Amino acid sequence: MLFDLGLTGVGLLVVLSMAFGMVAQFFARARTPWMWMIAAIGWFIGGLVASEVVWGAMTVDEIQPIVDGLAFDESLLGGLVVGVPVAIVAWFAAGGHSTDRRIGV
């Protein structure tokens, strides 16, 4: 198996992961301020595995688009499949409550 992921592909995957992490942090409002990092790491690992392991043997003719070795659509699917469950588990592990600790909220 040949891993041909370039810097542009890695950079795009990092940007997508960070965006998902920020969205997860905003919507989850978990007790931990690290929710964005946990969700982003889950998305990154899922996207990397999907792009380079699951669909890594396919060629440019078989899958589109490929951005500097990153199978873009497949990495989005892998990030979603791994990132969302990781974010949900992290939310429950953090207590699943809002960071707003005022009485009556």
N, C-alpha and C. Protein backbone atom coordinates (compact mmCIF):
# COMPACT_ATOMS: atom_id res chain seq x y z
N MET A 1 0.85 -1.18 0.00
CA MET A 1 0.00 0.00 0.00
C MET A 1 0.89 1.24 0.00
N LEU A 2 0.57 2.18 -0.85
CA LEU A 2 1.36 3.39 -1.00
C LEU A 2 0.62 4.57 -0.39
N PHE A 3 1.26 5.24 0.56
CA PHE A 3 0.68 6.44 1.16
C PHE A 3 1.28 7.64 0.46
N ASP A 4 0.46 8.38 -0.24
CA ASP A 4 0.95 9.51 -1.04
C ASP A 4 0.32 10.83 -0.62
N LEU A 5 0.00 10.96 0.64
CA LEU A 5 -0.65 12.17 1.13
C LEU A 5 0.37 13.29 1.24
N GLY A 6 0.11 14.40 0.55
CA GLY A 6 1.02 15.53 0.56
C GLY A 6 0.64 16.57 1.60
N LEU A 7 1.41 17.64 1.66
CA LEU A 7 1.17 18.69 2.65
C LEU A 7 -0.15 19.41 2.44
N THR A 8 -0.54 19.60 1.20
CA THR A 8 -1.82 20.24 0.94
C THR A 8 -2.98 19.37 1.41
N GLY A 9 -2.89 18.07 1.17
CA GLY A 9 -3.92 17.14 1.64
C GLY A 9 -4.01 17.10 3.15
N VAL A 10 -2.86 17.06 3.82
CA VAL A 10 -2.84 17.06 5.28
C VAL A 10 -3.40 18.38 5.81
N GLY A 11 -3.00 19.48 5.20
CA GLY A 11 -3.50 20.79 5.61
C GLY A 11 -5.01 20.90 5.47
N LEU A 12 -5.55 20.40 4.36
CA LEU A 12 -6.99 20.43 4.15
C LEU A 12 -7.70 19.57 5.20
N LEU A 13 -7.14 18.42 5.52
CA LEU A 13 -7.74 17.56 6.54
C LEU A 13 -7.68 18.21 7.92
N VAL A 14 -6.60 18.91 8.22
CA VAL A 14 -6.49 19.62 9.50
C VAL A 14 -7.53 20.74 9.58
N VAL A 15 -7.70 21.49 8.51
CA VAL A 15 -8.69 22.58 8.49
C VAL A 15 -10.10 22.03 8.67
N LEU A 16 -10.42 20.95 7.98
CA LEU A 16 -11.75 20.34 8.14
C LEU A 16 -11.94 19.83 9.56
N SER A 17 -10.91 19.24 10.13
CA SER A 17 -10.98 18.72 11.50
C SER A 17 -11.20 19.84 12.50
N MET A 18 -10.47 20.93 12.35
CA MET A 18 -10.63 22.07 13.26
C MET A 18 -12.01 22.69 13.13
N ALA A 19 -12.52 22.78 11.91
CA ALA A 19 -13.86 23.33 11.72
C ALA A 19 -14.91 22.46 12.41
N PHE A 20 -14.78 21.14 12.26
CA PHE A 20 -15.70 20.24 12.95
C PHE A 20 -15.57 20.37 14.46
N GLY A 21 -14.35 20.49 14.94
CA GLY A 21 -14.14 20.65 16.38
C GLY A 21 -14.78 21.92 16.92
N MET A 22 -14.68 23.01 16.19
CA MET A 22 -15.30 24.26 16.63
C MET A 22 -16.83 24.16 16.63
N VAL A 23 -17.37 23.51 15.63
CA VAL A 23 -18.82 23.31 15.58
C VAL A 23 -19.27 22.43 16.75
N ALA A 24 -18.52 21.38 17.03
CA ALA A 24 -18.84 20.49 18.15
C ALA A 24 -18.77 21.24 19.47
N GLN A 25 -17.76 22.09 19.64
CA GLN A 25 -17.62 22.87 20.88
C GLN A 25 -18.80 23.83 21.03
N PHE A 26 -19.21 24.44 19.95
CA PHE A 26 -20.30 25.41 20.01
C PHE A 26 -21.63 24.73 20.35
N PHE A 27 -21.93 23.63 19.68
CA PHE A 27 -23.22 23.00 19.88
C PHE A 27 -23.29 22.13 21.13
N ALA A 28 -22.19 21.51 21.52
CA ALA A 28 -22.22 20.60 22.67
C ALA A 28 -22.25 21.35 23.99
N ARG A 29 -21.53 22.46 24.08
CA ARG A 29 -21.44 23.23 25.33
C ARG A 29 -21.14 22.32 26.51
N ALA A 30 -20.14 21.48 26.34
CA ALA A 30 -19.76 20.53 27.38
C ALA A 30 -18.98 21.23 28.49
N ARG A 31 -18.80 20.53 29.59
CA ARG A 31 -18.05 21.09 30.72
C ARG A 31 -16.58 21.27 30.39
N THR A 32 -16.06 20.47 29.51
CA THR A 32 -14.65 20.56 29.19
C THR A 32 -14.38 21.59 28.10
N PRO A 33 -13.37 22.42 28.29
CA PRO A 33 -13.02 23.36 27.22
C PRO A 33 -12.25 22.68 26.08
N TRP A 34 -11.96 21.40 26.24
CA TRP A 34 -11.19 20.66 25.25
C TRP A 34 -12.06 19.86 24.29
N MET A 35 -13.34 20.10 24.31
CA MET A 35 -14.25 19.37 23.42
C MET A 35 -13.87 19.55 21.96
N TRP A 36 -13.49 20.75 21.58
CA TRP A 36 -13.12 21.01 20.19
C TRP A 36 -11.92 20.18 19.77
N MET A 37 -10.95 20.02 20.68
CA MET A 37 -9.75 19.25 20.36
C MET A 37 -10.06 17.76 20.23
N ILE A 38 -10.87 17.25 21.13
CA ILE A 38 -11.24 15.84 21.10
C ILE A 38 -12.00 15.51 19.82
N ALA A 39 -12.98 16.35 19.47
CA ALA A 39 -13.76 16.13 18.26
C ALA A 39 -12.90 16.28 17.00
N ALA A 40 -11.99 17.24 17.00
CA ALA A 40 -11.11 17.44 15.84
C ALA A 40 -10.17 16.26 15.64
N ILE A 41 -9.65 15.71 16.72
CA ILE A 41 -8.76 14.54 16.61
C ILE A 41 -9.54 13.34 16.08
N GLY A 42 -10.78 13.16 16.56
CA GLY A 42 -11.61 12.08 16.04
C GLY A 42 -11.87 12.22 14.56
N TRP A 43 -12.19 13.44 14.12
CA TRP A 43 -12.44 13.69 12.70
C TRP A 43 -11.17 13.44 11.89
N PHE A 44 -10.03 13.92 12.38
CA PHE A 44 -8.77 13.76 11.64
C PHE A 44 -8.43 12.28 11.47
N ILE A 45 -8.52 11.51 12.54
CA ILE A 45 -8.19 10.09 12.46
C ILE A 45 -9.15 9.36 11.52
N GLY A 46 -10.44 9.64 11.63
CA GLY A 46 -11.41 9.02 10.74
C GLY A 46 -11.18 9.38 9.28
N GLY A 47 -10.91 10.64 9.01
CA GLY A 47 -10.65 11.07 7.64
C GLY A 47 -9.37 10.50 7.07
N LEU A 48 -8.35 10.42 7.90
CA LEU A 48 -7.07 9.86 7.44
C LEU A 48 -7.20 8.37 7.15
N VAL A 49 -7.83 7.65 8.03
CA VAL A 49 -8.01 6.20 7.83
C VAL A 49 -8.87 5.94 6.59
N ALA A 50 -9.94 6.68 6.43
CA ALA A 50 -10.81 6.48 5.27
C ALA A 50 -10.07 6.78 3.97
N SER A 51 -9.32 7.87 3.95
CA SER A 51 -8.64 8.27 2.72
C SER A 51 -7.45 7.36 2.38
N GLU A 52 -6.68 7.02 3.38
CA GLU A 52 -5.42 6.34 3.11
C GLU A 52 -5.45 4.82 3.32
N VAL A 53 -6.42 4.32 4.07
CA VAL A 53 -6.45 2.88 4.33
C VAL A 53 -7.63 2.23 3.61
N VAL A 54 -8.83 2.72 3.87
CA VAL A 54 -10.02 2.08 3.32
C VAL A 54 -10.06 2.24 1.80
N TRP A 55 -9.91 3.47 1.32
CA TRP A 55 -9.95 3.71 -0.13
C TRP A 55 -8.57 4.07 -0.68
N GLY A 56 -7.51 3.73 0.02
CA GLY A 56 -6.16 4.11 -0.38
C GLY A 56 -5.64 3.44 -1.63
N ALA A 57 -6.16 2.28 -1.97
CA ALA A 57 -5.65 1.54 -3.13
C ALA A 57 -6.32 1.96 -4.44
N MET A 58 -7.34 2.80 -4.38
CA MET A 58 -8.03 3.21 -5.59
C MET A 58 -7.25 4.29 -6.34
N THR A 59 -7.49 4.39 -7.61
CA THR A 59 -6.78 5.34 -8.45
C THR A 59 -7.63 6.57 -8.70
N VAL A 60 -7.03 7.54 -9.38
CA VAL A 60 -7.73 8.79 -9.71
C VAL A 60 -8.93 8.51 -10.59
N ASP A 61 -8.86 7.51 -11.44
CA ASP A 61 -9.98 7.18 -12.32
C ASP A 61 -11.15 6.58 -11.55
N GLU A 62 -10.89 5.94 -10.42
CA GLU A 62 -11.95 5.28 -9.67
C GLU A 62 -12.66 6.19 -8.67
N ILE A 63 -11.94 7.13 -8.07
CA ILE A 63 -12.55 8.05 -7.12
C ILE A 63 -12.16 9.48 -7.45
N GLN A 64 -13.04 10.39 -7.20
CA GLN A 64 -12.81 11.81 -7.44
C GLN A 64 -13.43 12.58 -6.29
N PRO A 65 -13.04 13.70 -5.91
CA PRO A 65 -11.77 14.36 -6.21
C PRO A 65 -10.66 13.90 -5.27
N ILE A 66 -9.45 14.01 -5.75
CA ILE A 66 -8.27 13.71 -4.94
C ILE A 66 -7.46 15.00 -4.86
N VAL A 67 -7.20 15.47 -3.65
CA VAL A 67 -6.46 16.71 -3.43
C VAL A 67 -5.12 16.35 -2.79
N ASP A 68 -4.06 16.38 -3.58
CA ASP A 68 -2.70 16.08 -3.12
C ASP A 68 -2.65 14.76 -2.34
N GLY A 69 -3.29 13.74 -2.89
CA GLY A 69 -3.27 12.42 -2.28
C GLY A 69 -4.40 12.15 -1.32
N LEU A 70 -5.18 13.17 -0.97
CA LEU A 70 -6.30 13.01 -0.04
C LEU A 70 -7.57 12.74 -0.85
N ALA A 71 -8.19 11.57 -0.63
CA ALA A 71 -9.47 11.27 -1.25
C ALA A 71 -10.52 12.10 -0.49
N PHE A 72 -10.87 13.25 -1.05
CA PHE A 72 -11.63 14.28 -0.33
C PHE A 72 -12.99 13.78 0.17
N ASP A 73 -13.82 13.27 -0.72
CA ASP A 73 -15.16 12.83 -0.31
C ASP A 73 -15.10 11.69 0.70
N GLU A 74 -14.17 10.77 0.50
CA GLU A 74 -14.03 9.64 1.40
C GLU A 74 -13.52 10.08 2.76
N SER A 75 -12.65 11.09 2.79
CA SER A 75 -12.16 11.59 4.07
C SER A 75 -13.27 12.32 4.84
N LEU A 76 -14.18 12.99 4.11
CA LEU A 76 -15.33 13.60 4.77
C LEU A 76 -16.22 12.53 5.41
N LEU A 77 -16.45 11.46 4.68
CA LEU A 77 -17.27 10.36 5.21
C LEU A 77 -16.60 9.72 6.42
N GLY A 78 -15.31 9.44 6.33
CA GLY A 78 -14.59 8.84 7.45
C GLY A 78 -14.57 9.75 8.66
N GLY A 79 -14.38 11.04 8.43
CA GLY A 79 -14.39 11.99 9.53
C GLY A 79 -15.73 12.05 10.21
N LEU A 80 -16.78 12.00 9.43
CA LEU A 80 -18.13 12.02 9.99
C LEU A 80 -18.43 10.75 10.77
N VAL A 81 -18.05 9.61 10.22
CA VAL A 81 -18.34 8.32 10.86
C VAL A 81 -17.59 8.17 12.18
N VAL A 82 -16.39 8.70 12.27
CA VAL A 82 -15.61 8.58 13.51
C VAL A 82 -15.77 9.83 14.39
N GLY A 83 -15.78 11.01 13.80
CA GLY A 83 -15.82 12.25 14.56
C GLY A 83 -17.08 12.46 15.36
N VAL A 84 -18.23 12.16 14.79
CA VAL A 84 -19.50 12.38 15.50
C VAL A 84 -19.62 11.46 16.73
N PRO A 85 -19.36 10.16 16.61
CA PRO A 85 -19.42 9.33 17.82
C PRO A 85 -18.39 9.73 18.88
N VAL A 86 -17.20 10.13 18.46
CA VAL A 86 -16.20 10.59 19.42
C VAL A 86 -16.70 11.83 20.15
N ALA A 87 -17.30 12.77 19.43
CA ALA A 87 -17.83 13.98 20.06
C ALA A 87 -18.97 13.66 21.02
N ILE A 88 -19.83 12.72 20.65
CA ILE A 88 -20.94 12.34 21.52
C ILE A 88 -20.43 11.67 22.79
N VAL A 89 -19.48 10.75 22.65
CA VAL A 89 -18.90 10.08 23.82
C VAL A 89 -18.19 11.09 24.72
N ALA A 90 -17.47 12.02 24.14
CA ALA A 90 -16.78 13.05 24.93
C ALA A 90 -17.78 13.94 25.66
N TRP A 91 -18.90 14.24 25.02
CA TRP A 91 -19.93 15.06 25.65
C TRP A 91 -20.51 14.36 26.87
N PHE A 92 -20.82 13.07 26.71
CA PHE A 92 -21.36 12.31 27.84
C PHE A 92 -20.31 12.12 28.93
N ALA A 93 -19.06 11.91 28.55
CA ALA A 93 -17.99 11.73 29.54
C ALA A 93 -17.75 13.01 30.34
N ALA A 94 -17.99 14.16 29.71
CA ALA A 94 -17.80 15.44 30.39
C ALA A 94 -18.99 15.81 31.26
N GLY A 95 -20.00 15.01 31.25
CA GLY A 95 -21.18 15.28 32.08
C GLY A 95 -22.38 15.70 31.27
N GLY A 96 -22.18 16.08 30.04
CA GLY A 96 -23.29 16.44 29.17
C GLY A 96 -24.08 17.65 29.61
N HIS A 97 -23.43 18.55 30.34
CA HIS A 97 -24.13 19.72 30.84
C HIS A 97 -23.55 20.99 30.24
N SER A 98 -24.29 22.05 30.36
CA SER A 98 -23.86 23.35 29.88
C SER A 98 -22.75 23.91 30.76
N THR A 99 -21.92 24.78 30.21
CA THR A 99 -20.88 25.43 30.99
C THR A 99 -21.45 26.56 31.83
N ASP A 100 -22.68 26.94 31.58
CA ASP A 100 -23.34 27.99 32.35
C ASP A 100 -23.82 27.42 33.67
N ARG A 101 -23.23 27.86 34.78
CA ARG A 101 -23.52 27.26 36.09
C ARG A 101 -24.37 28.16 36.98
N ARG A 102 -25.12 29.07 36.38
CA ARG A 102 -26.00 29.93 37.19
C ARG A 102 -27.14 29.08 37.75
N ILE A 103 -27.64 29.50 38.88
CA ILE A 103 -28.75 28.79 39.53
C ILE A 103 -30.00 28.95 38.67
N GLY A 104 -30.68 27.85 38.45
CA GLY A 104 -31.93 27.89 37.71
C GLY A 104 -31.76 27.79 36.21
N VAL A 105 -30.56 27.56 35.73
CA VAL A 105 -30.35 27.45 34.29
C VAL A 105 -30.19 26.02 33.92
